[in-house]
């Protein structure tokens, strides 16, 4: 997890991805990658130099015969 958090911190610092007060919507599919990102962003809020909030979003498209 430290490696993932380090990559998030570095990307946010290098590219100014998050501005103070931003509200971020994370698309969560339920797969390992999106769940990891959601957990990492929750942890990143505690030591981020920039205050932000986020919420997880999952869309059920309603296609017949699919099981998300």
PDB file of N, CA and C in Angstrom:
ATOM      1  N   UNK A   1       0.823  -1.189   0.000  1.00  0.00           N
ATOM      2  CA  UNK A   1       0.000   0.000   0.000  1.00  0.00           C
ATOM      3  C   UNK A   1       0.869   1.255   0.000  1.00  0.00           C
ATOM      4  N   UNK A   2       2.039   1.190   0.645  1.00  0.00           N
ATOM      5  CA  UNK A   2       2.916   2.361   0.667  1.00  0.00           C
ATOM      6  C   UNK A   2       3.337   2.768  -0.742  1.00  0.00           C
ATOM      7  N   UNK A   3       3.569   1.790  -1.600  1.00  0.00           N
ATOM      8  CA  UNK A   3       3.977   2.089  -2.970  1.00  0.00           C
ATOM      9  C   UNK A   3       2.848   2.788  -3.733  1.00  0.00           C
ATOM     10  N   UNK A   4       1.626   2.320  -3.555  1.00  0.00           N
ATOM     11  CA  UNK A   4       0.473   2.930  -4.216  1.00  0.00           C
ATOM     12  C   UNK A   4       0.270   4.358  -3.718  1.00  0.00           C
ATOM     13  N   UNK A   5       0.334   4.539  -2.396  1.00  0.00           N
ATOM     14  CA  UNK A   5       0.169   5.885  -1.839  1.00  0.00           C
ATOM     15  C   UNK A   5       1.280   6.814  -2.297  1.00  0.00           C
ATOM     16  N   UNK A   6       2.503   6.304  -2.418  1.00  0.00           N
ATOM     17  CA  UNK A   6       3.602   7.120  -2.916  1.00  0.00           C
ATOM     18  C   UNK A   6       3.373   7.563  -4.354  1.00  0.00           C
ATOM     19  N   UNK A   7       2.841   6.678  -5.171  1.00  0.00           N
ATOM     20  CA  UNK A   7       2.545   7.035  -6.569  1.00  0.00           C
ATOM     21  C   UNK A   7       1.442   8.085  -6.646  1.00  0.00           C
ATOM     22  N   UNK A   8       0.424   7.951  -5.807  1.00  0.00           N
ATOM     23  CA  UNK A   8      -0.656   8.947  -5.785  1.00  0.00           C
ATOM     24  C   UNK A   8      -0.107  10.301  -5.348  1.00  0.00           C
ATOM     25  N   UNK A   9       0.697  10.299  -4.283  1.00  0.00           N
ATOM     26  CA  UNK A   9       1.274  11.559  -3.778  1.00  0.00           C
ATOM     27  C   UNK A   9       2.134  12.227  -4.838  1.00  0.00           C
ATOM     28  N   UNK A  10       2.978  11.446  -5.501  1.00  0.00           N
ATOM     29  CA  UNK A  10       3.877  11.993  -6.523  1.00  0.00           C
ATOM     30  C   UNK A  10       3.087  12.545  -7.715  1.00  0.00           C
ATOM     31  N   UNK A  11       2.070  11.821  -8.163  1.00  0.00           N
ATOM     32  CA  UNK A  11       1.262  12.287  -9.289  1.00  0.00           C
ATOM     33  C   UNK A  11       0.517  13.569  -8.932  1.00  0.00           C
ATOM     34  N   UNK A  12      -0.023  13.628  -7.718  1.00  0.00           N
ATOM     35  CA  UNK A  12      -0.734  14.843  -7.290  1.00  0.00           C
ATOM     36  C   UNK A  12       0.205  16.035  -7.204  1.00  0.00           C
ATOM     37  N   UNK A  13       1.432  15.812  -6.745  1.00  0.00           N
ATOM     38  CA  UNK A  13       2.403  16.903  -6.635  1.00  0.00           C
ATOM     39  C   UNK A  13       2.914  17.329  -8.014  1.00  0.00           C
ATOM     40  N   UNK A  14       3.228  16.366  -8.868  1.00  0.00           N
ATOM     41  CA  UNK A  14       3.800  16.685 -10.183  1.00  0.00           C
ATOM     42  C   UNK A  14       2.798  17.354 -11.118  1.00  0.00           C
ATOM     43  N   UNK A  15       1.538  16.920 -11.071  1.00  0.00           N
ATOM     44  CA  UNK A  15       0.550  17.388 -12.042  1.00  0.00           C
ATOM     45  C   UNK A  15      -0.573  18.210 -11.432  1.00  0.00           C
ATOM     46  N   UNK A  16      -0.448  18.537 -10.150  1.00  0.00           N
ATOM     47  CA  UNK A  16      -1.480  19.332  -9.466  1.00  0.00           C
ATOM     48  C   UNK A  16      -2.876  18.781  -9.748  1.00  0.00           C
ATOM     49  N   UNK A  17      -3.071  17.499  -9.459  1.00  0.00           N
ATOM     50  CA  UNK A  17      -4.326  16.827  -9.766  1.00  0.00           C
ATOM     51  C   UNK A  17      -5.467  17.239  -8.838  1.00  0.00           C
ATOM     52  N   UNK A  18      -5.126  17.650  -7.627  1.00  0.00           N
ATOM     53  CA  UNK A  18      -6.157  17.988  -6.647  1.00  0.00           C
ATOM     54  C   UNK A  18      -5.926  19.405  -6.146  1.00  0.00           C
ATOM     55  N   UNK A  19      -6.963  20.222  -6.225  1.00  0.00           N
ATOM     56  CA  UNK A  19      -6.924  21.578  -5.688  1.00  0.00           C
ATOM     57  C   UNK A  19      -7.652  21.585  -4.345  1.00  0.00           C
ATOM     58  N   UNK A  20      -7.332  22.545  -3.473  1.00  0.00           N
ATOM     59  CA  UNK A  20      -7.998  22.611  -2.167  1.00  0.00           C
ATOM     60  C   UNK A  20      -9.520  22.669  -2.318  1.00  0.00           C
ATOM     61  N   UNK A  21     -10.204  21.829  -1.547  1.00  0.00           N
ATOM     62  CA  UNK A  21     -11.660  21.817  -1.555  1.00  0.00           C
ATOM     63  C   UNK A  21     -12.296  20.990  -2.668  1.00  0.00           C
ATOM     64  N   UNK A  22     -11.504  20.320  -3.493  1.00  0.00           N
ATOM     65  CA  UNK A  22     -12.061  19.501  -4.566  1.00  0.00           C
ATOM     66  C   UNK A  22     -12.933  18.392  -4.001  1.00  0.00           C
ATOM     67  N   UNK A  23     -13.983  18.073  -4.750  1.00  0.00           N
ATOM     68  CA  UNK A  23     -14.827  16.906  -4.467  1.00  0.00           C
ATOM     69  C   UNK A  23     -14.627  15.953  -5.631  1.00  0.00           C
ATOM     70  N   UNK A  24     -14.127  14.767  -5.349  1.00  0.00           N
ATOM     71  CA  UNK A  24     -13.733  13.818  -6.379  1.00  0.00           C
ATOM     72  C   UNK A  24     -14.706  12.644  -6.385  1.00  0.00           C
ATOM     73  N   UNK A  25     -15.180  12.275  -7.568  1.00  0.00           N
ATOM     74  CA  UNK A  25     -16.038  11.098  -7.721  1.00  0.00           C
ATOM     75  C   UNK A  25     -15.186   9.975  -8.299  1.00  0.00           C
ATOM     76  N   UNK A  26     -15.100   8.865  -7.580  1.00  0.00           N
ATOM     77  CA  UNK A  26     -14.352   7.703  -8.040  1.00  0.00           C
ATOM     78  C   UNK A  26     -15.326   6.688  -8.617  1.00  0.00           C
ATOM     79  N   UNK A  27     -15.088   6.276  -9.851  1.00  0.00           N
ATOM     80  CA  UNK A  27     -15.889   5.218 -10.445  1.00  0.00           C
ATOM     81  C   UNK A  27     -15.412   3.875  -9.920  1.00  0.00           C
ATOM     82  N   UNK A  28     -16.295   3.146  -9.259  1.00  0.00           N
ATOM     83  CA  UNK A  28     -15.931   1.872  -8.649  1.00  0.00           C
ATOM     84  C   UNK A  28     -16.719   0.755  -9.327  1.00  0.00           C
ATOM     85  N   UNK A  29     -15.989  -0.174  -9.943  1.00  0.00           N
ATOM     86  CA  UNK A  29     -16.627  -1.294 -10.627  1.00  0.00           C
ATOM     87  C   UNK A  29     -16.816  -2.483  -9.702  1.00  0.00           C
ATOM     88  N   UNK A  30     -16.074  -2.513  -8.621  1.00  0.00           N
ATOM     89  CA  UNK A  30     -16.098  -3.651  -7.725  1.00  0.00           C
ATOM     90  C   UNK A  30     -14.907  -4.570  -7.936  1.00  0.00           C
ATOM     91  N   UNK A  31     -14.106  -4.266  -8.962  1.00  0.00           N
ATOM     92  CA  UNK A  31     -12.895  -5.039  -9.221  1.00  0.00           C
ATOM     93  C   UNK A  31     -11.774  -4.638  -8.273  1.00  0.00           C
ATOM     94  N   UNK A  32     -10.710  -5.416  -8.318  1.00  0.00           N
ATOM     95  CA  UNK A  32      -9.588  -5.185  -7.401  1.00  0.00           C
ATOM     96  C   UNK A  32      -8.966  -3.809  -7.582  1.00  0.00           C
ATOM     97  N   UNK A  33      -8.821  -3.356  -8.830  1.00  0.00           N
ATOM     98  CA  UNK A  33      -8.140  -2.084  -9.066  1.00  0.00           C
ATOM     99  C   UNK A  33      -8.937  -0.895  -8.544  1.00  0.00           C
ATOM    100  N   UNK A  34     -10.241  -0.868  -8.792  1.00  0.00           N
ATOM    101  CA  UNK A  34     -11.022   0.280  -8.335  1.00  0.00           C
ATOM    102  C   UNK A  34     -11.223   0.261  -6.822  1.00  0.00           C
ATOM    103  N   UNK A  35     -11.328  -0.916  -6.221  1.00  0.00           N
ATOM    104  CA  UNK A  35     -11.460  -0.997  -4.769  1.00  0.00           C
ATOM    105  C   UNK A  35     -10.152  -0.564  -4.100  1.00  0.00           C
ATOM    106  N   UNK A  36      -9.019  -0.956  -4.679  1.00  0.00           N
ATOM    107  CA  UNK A  36      -7.714  -0.515  -4.163  1.00  0.00           C
ATOM    108  C   UNK A  36      -7.589   1.001  -4.244  1.00  0.00           C
ATOM    109  N   UNK A  37      -7.981   1.588  -5.371  1.00  0.00           N
ATOM    110  CA  UNK A  37      -7.908   3.040  -5.514  1.00  0.00           C
ATOM    111  C   UNK A  37      -8.802   3.734  -4.491  1.00  0.00           C
ATOM    112  N   UNK A  38      -9.998   3.215  -4.268  1.00  0.00           N
ATOM    113  CA  UNK A  38     -10.899   3.812  -3.286  1.00  0.00           C
ATOM    114  C   UNK A  38     -10.282   3.770  -1.884  1.00  0.00           C
ATOM    115  N   UNK A  39      -9.710   2.644  -1.521  1.00  0.00           N
ATOM    116  CA  UNK A  39      -9.081   2.510  -0.195  1.00  0.00           C
ATOM    117  C   UNK A  39      -7.854   3.422  -0.093  1.00  0.00           C
ATOM    118  N   UNK A  40      -7.058   3.490  -1.159  1.00  0.00           N
ATOM    119  CA  UNK A  40      -5.865   4.337  -1.151  1.00  0.00           C
ATOM    120  C   UNK A  40      -6.231   5.813  -1.037  1.00  0.00           C
ATOM    121  N   UNK A  41      -7.260   6.241  -1.727  1.00  0.00           N
ATOM    122  CA  UNK A  41      -7.671   7.648  -1.642  1.00  0.00           C
ATOM    123  C   UNK A  41      -8.204   7.977  -0.248  1.00  0.00           C
ATOM    124  N   UNK A  42      -8.859   7.006   0.375  1.00  0.00           N
ATOM    125  CA  UNK A  42      -9.332   7.219   1.752  1.00  0.00           C
ATOM    126  C   UNK A  42      -8.148   7.439   2.686  1.00  0.00           C
ATOM    127  N   UNK A  43      -7.099   6.636   2.517  1.00  0.00           N
ATOM    128  CA  UNK A  43      -5.906   6.797   3.339  1.00  0.00           C
ATOM    129  C   UNK A  43      -5.150   8.079   2.986  1.00  0.00           C
ATOM    130  N   UNK A  44      -5.091   8.421   1.705  1.00  0.00           N
ATOM    131  CA  UNK A  44      -4.347   9.599   1.251  1.00  0.00           C
ATOM    132  C   UNK A  44      -4.920  10.892   1.840  1.00  0.00           C
ATOM    133  N   UNK A  45      -6.222  10.930   2.088  1.00  0.00           N
ATOM    134  CA  UNK A  45      -6.829  12.136   2.669  1.00  0.00           C
ATOM    135  C   UNK A  45      -6.192  12.524   3.993  1.00  0.00           C
ATOM    136  N   UNK A  46      -5.703  11.540   4.759  1.00  0.00           N
ATOM    137  CA  UNK A  46      -5.165  11.827   6.084  1.00  0.00           C
ATOM    138  C   UNK A  46      -3.841  12.573   6.050  1.00  0.00           C
ATOM    139  N   UNK A  47      -3.018  12.371   5.028  1.00  0.00           N
ATOM    140  CA  UNK A  47      -1.730  13.068   4.993  1.00  0.00           C
ATOM    141  C   UNK A  47      -1.548  13.950   3.764  1.00  0.00           C
ATOM    142  N   UNK A  48      -2.598  14.138   3.002  1.00  0.00           N
ATOM    143  CA  UNK A  48      -2.523  15.017   1.839  1.00  0.00           C
ATOM    144  C   UNK A  48      -2.338  16.467   2.294  1.00  0.00           C
ATOM    145  N   UNK A  49      -1.443  17.210   1.639  1.00  0.00           N
ATOM    146  CA  UNK A  49      -1.284  18.621   1.994  1.00  0.00           C
ATOM    147  C   UNK A  49      -2.469  19.467   1.520  1.00  0.00           C
ATOM    148  N   UNK A  50      -3.313  18.888   0.681  1.00  0.00           N
ATOM    149  CA  UNK A  50      -4.458  19.603   0.117  1.00  0.00           C
ATOM    150  C   UNK A  50      -5.742  18.931   0.613  1.00  0.00           C
ATOM    151  N   UNK A  51      -6.630  19.678   1.268  1.00  0.00           N
ATOM    152  CA  UNK A  51      -7.875  19.068   1.743  1.00  0.00           C
ATOM    153  C   UNK A  51      -8.827  18.785   0.580  1.00  0.00           C
ATOM    154  N   UNK A  52      -9.408  17.595   0.569  1.00  0.00           N
ATOM    155  CA  UNK A  52     -10.373  17.216  -0.460  1.00  0.00           C
ATOM    156  C   UNK A  52     -11.315  16.167   0.099  1.00  0.00           C
ATOM    157  N   UNK A  53     -12.412  15.952  -0.589  1.00  0.00           N
ATOM    158  CA  UNK A  53     -13.343  14.884  -0.243  1.00  0.00           C
ATOM    159  C   UNK A  53     -13.571  14.051  -1.491  1.00  0.00           C
ATOM    160  N   UNK A  54     -14.071  12.840  -1.289  1.00  0.00           N
ATOM    161  CA  UNK A  54     -14.403  12.017  -2.444  1.00  0.00           C
ATOM    162  C   UNK A  54     -15.582  11.110  -2.114  1.00  0.00           C
ATOM    163  N   UNK A  55     -16.207  10.613  -3.163  1.00  0.00           N
ATOM    164  CA  UNK A  55     -17.269   9.628  -3.004  1.00  0.00           C
ATOM    165  C   UNK A  55     -17.098   8.572  -4.092  1.00  0.00           C
ATOM    166  N   UNK A  56     -17.549   7.389  -3.800  1.00  0.00           N
ATOM    167  CA  UNK A  56     -17.485   6.289  -4.760  1.00  0.00           C
ATOM    168  C   UNK A  56     -18.805   6.225  -5.523  1.00  0.00           C
ATOM    169  N   UNK A  57     -18.705   5.985  -6.823  1.00  0.00           N
ATOM    170  CA  UNK A  57     -19.882   5.930  -7.678  1.00  0.00           C
ATOM    171  C   UNK A  57     -19.882   4.606  -8.431  1.00  0.00           C
ATOM    172  N   UNK A  58     -21.002   3.904  -8.379  1.00  0.00           N
ATOM    173  CA  UNK A  58     -21.174   2.654  -9.136  1.00  0.00           C
ATOM    174  C   UNK A  58     -22.487   2.764  -9.892  1.00  0.00           C
ATOM    175  N   UNK A  59     -22.440   2.593 -11.205  1.00  0.00           N
ATOM    176  CA  UNK A  59     -23.638   2.673 -12.024  1.00  0.00           C
ATOM    177  C   UNK A  59     -24.123   1.281 -12.391  1.00  0.00           C
ATOM    178  N   UNK A  60     -25.390   1.031 -12.183  1.00  0.00           N
ATOM    179  CA  UNK A  60     -26.002  -0.201 -12.647  1.00  0.00           C
ATOM    180  C   UNK A  60     -26.694   0.149 -13.963  1.00  0.00           C
ATOM    181  N   UNK A  61     -26.153  -0.339 -15.071  1.00  0.00           N
ATOM    182  CA  UNK A  61     -26.674   0.041 -16.386  1.00  0.00           C
ATOM    183  C   UNK A  61     -27.982  -0.650 -16.739  1.00  0.00           C
ATOM    184  N   UNK A  62     -28.284  -1.774 -16.099  1.00  0.00           N
ATOM    185  CA  UNK A  62     -29.562  -2.414 -16.307  1.00  0.00           C
ATOM    186  C   UNK A  62     -29.684  -3.219 -17.582  1.00  0.00           C
ATOM    187  N   UNK A  63     -28.571  -3.671 -18.135  1.00  0.00           N
ATOM    188  CA  UNK A  63     -28.660  -4.525 -19.317  1.00  0.00           C
ATOM    189  C   UNK A  63     -29.168  -5.894 -18.915  1.00  0.00           C
ATOM    190  N   UNK A  64     -30.164  -6.429 -19.641  1.00  0.00           N
ATOM    191  CA  UNK A  64     -30.687  -7.740 -19.274  1.00  0.00           C
ATOM    192  C   UNK A  64     -29.634  -8.848 -19.466  1.00  0.00           C
ATOM    193  N   UNK A  65     -29.644  -9.796 -18.557  1.00  0.00           N
ATOM    194  CA  UNK A  65     -28.741 -10.926 -18.663  1.00  0.00           C
ATOM    195  C   UNK A  65     -27.343 -10.681 -18.122  1.00  0.00           C
ATOM    196  N   UNK A  66     -27.108  -9.536 -17.492  1.00  0.00           N
ATOM    197  CA  UNK A  66     -25.789  -9.267 -16.924  1.00  0.00           C
ATOM    198  C   UNK A  66     -25.865  -9.370 -15.416  1.00  0.00           C
ATOM    199  N   UNK A  67     -24.781  -9.791 -14.833  1.00  0.00           N
ATOM    200  CA  UNK A  67     -24.704  -9.933 -13.382  1.00  0.00           C
ATOM    201  C   UNK A  67     -23.471  -9.190 -12.890  1.00  0.00           C
ATOM    202  N   UNK A  68     -23.647  -7.958 -12.396  1.00  0.00           N
ATOM    203  CA  UNK A  68     -22.470  -7.195 -11.962  1.00  0.00           C
ATOM    204  C   UNK A  68     -21.870  -7.797 -10.744  1.00  0.00           C
TER     205      UNK A  68
END
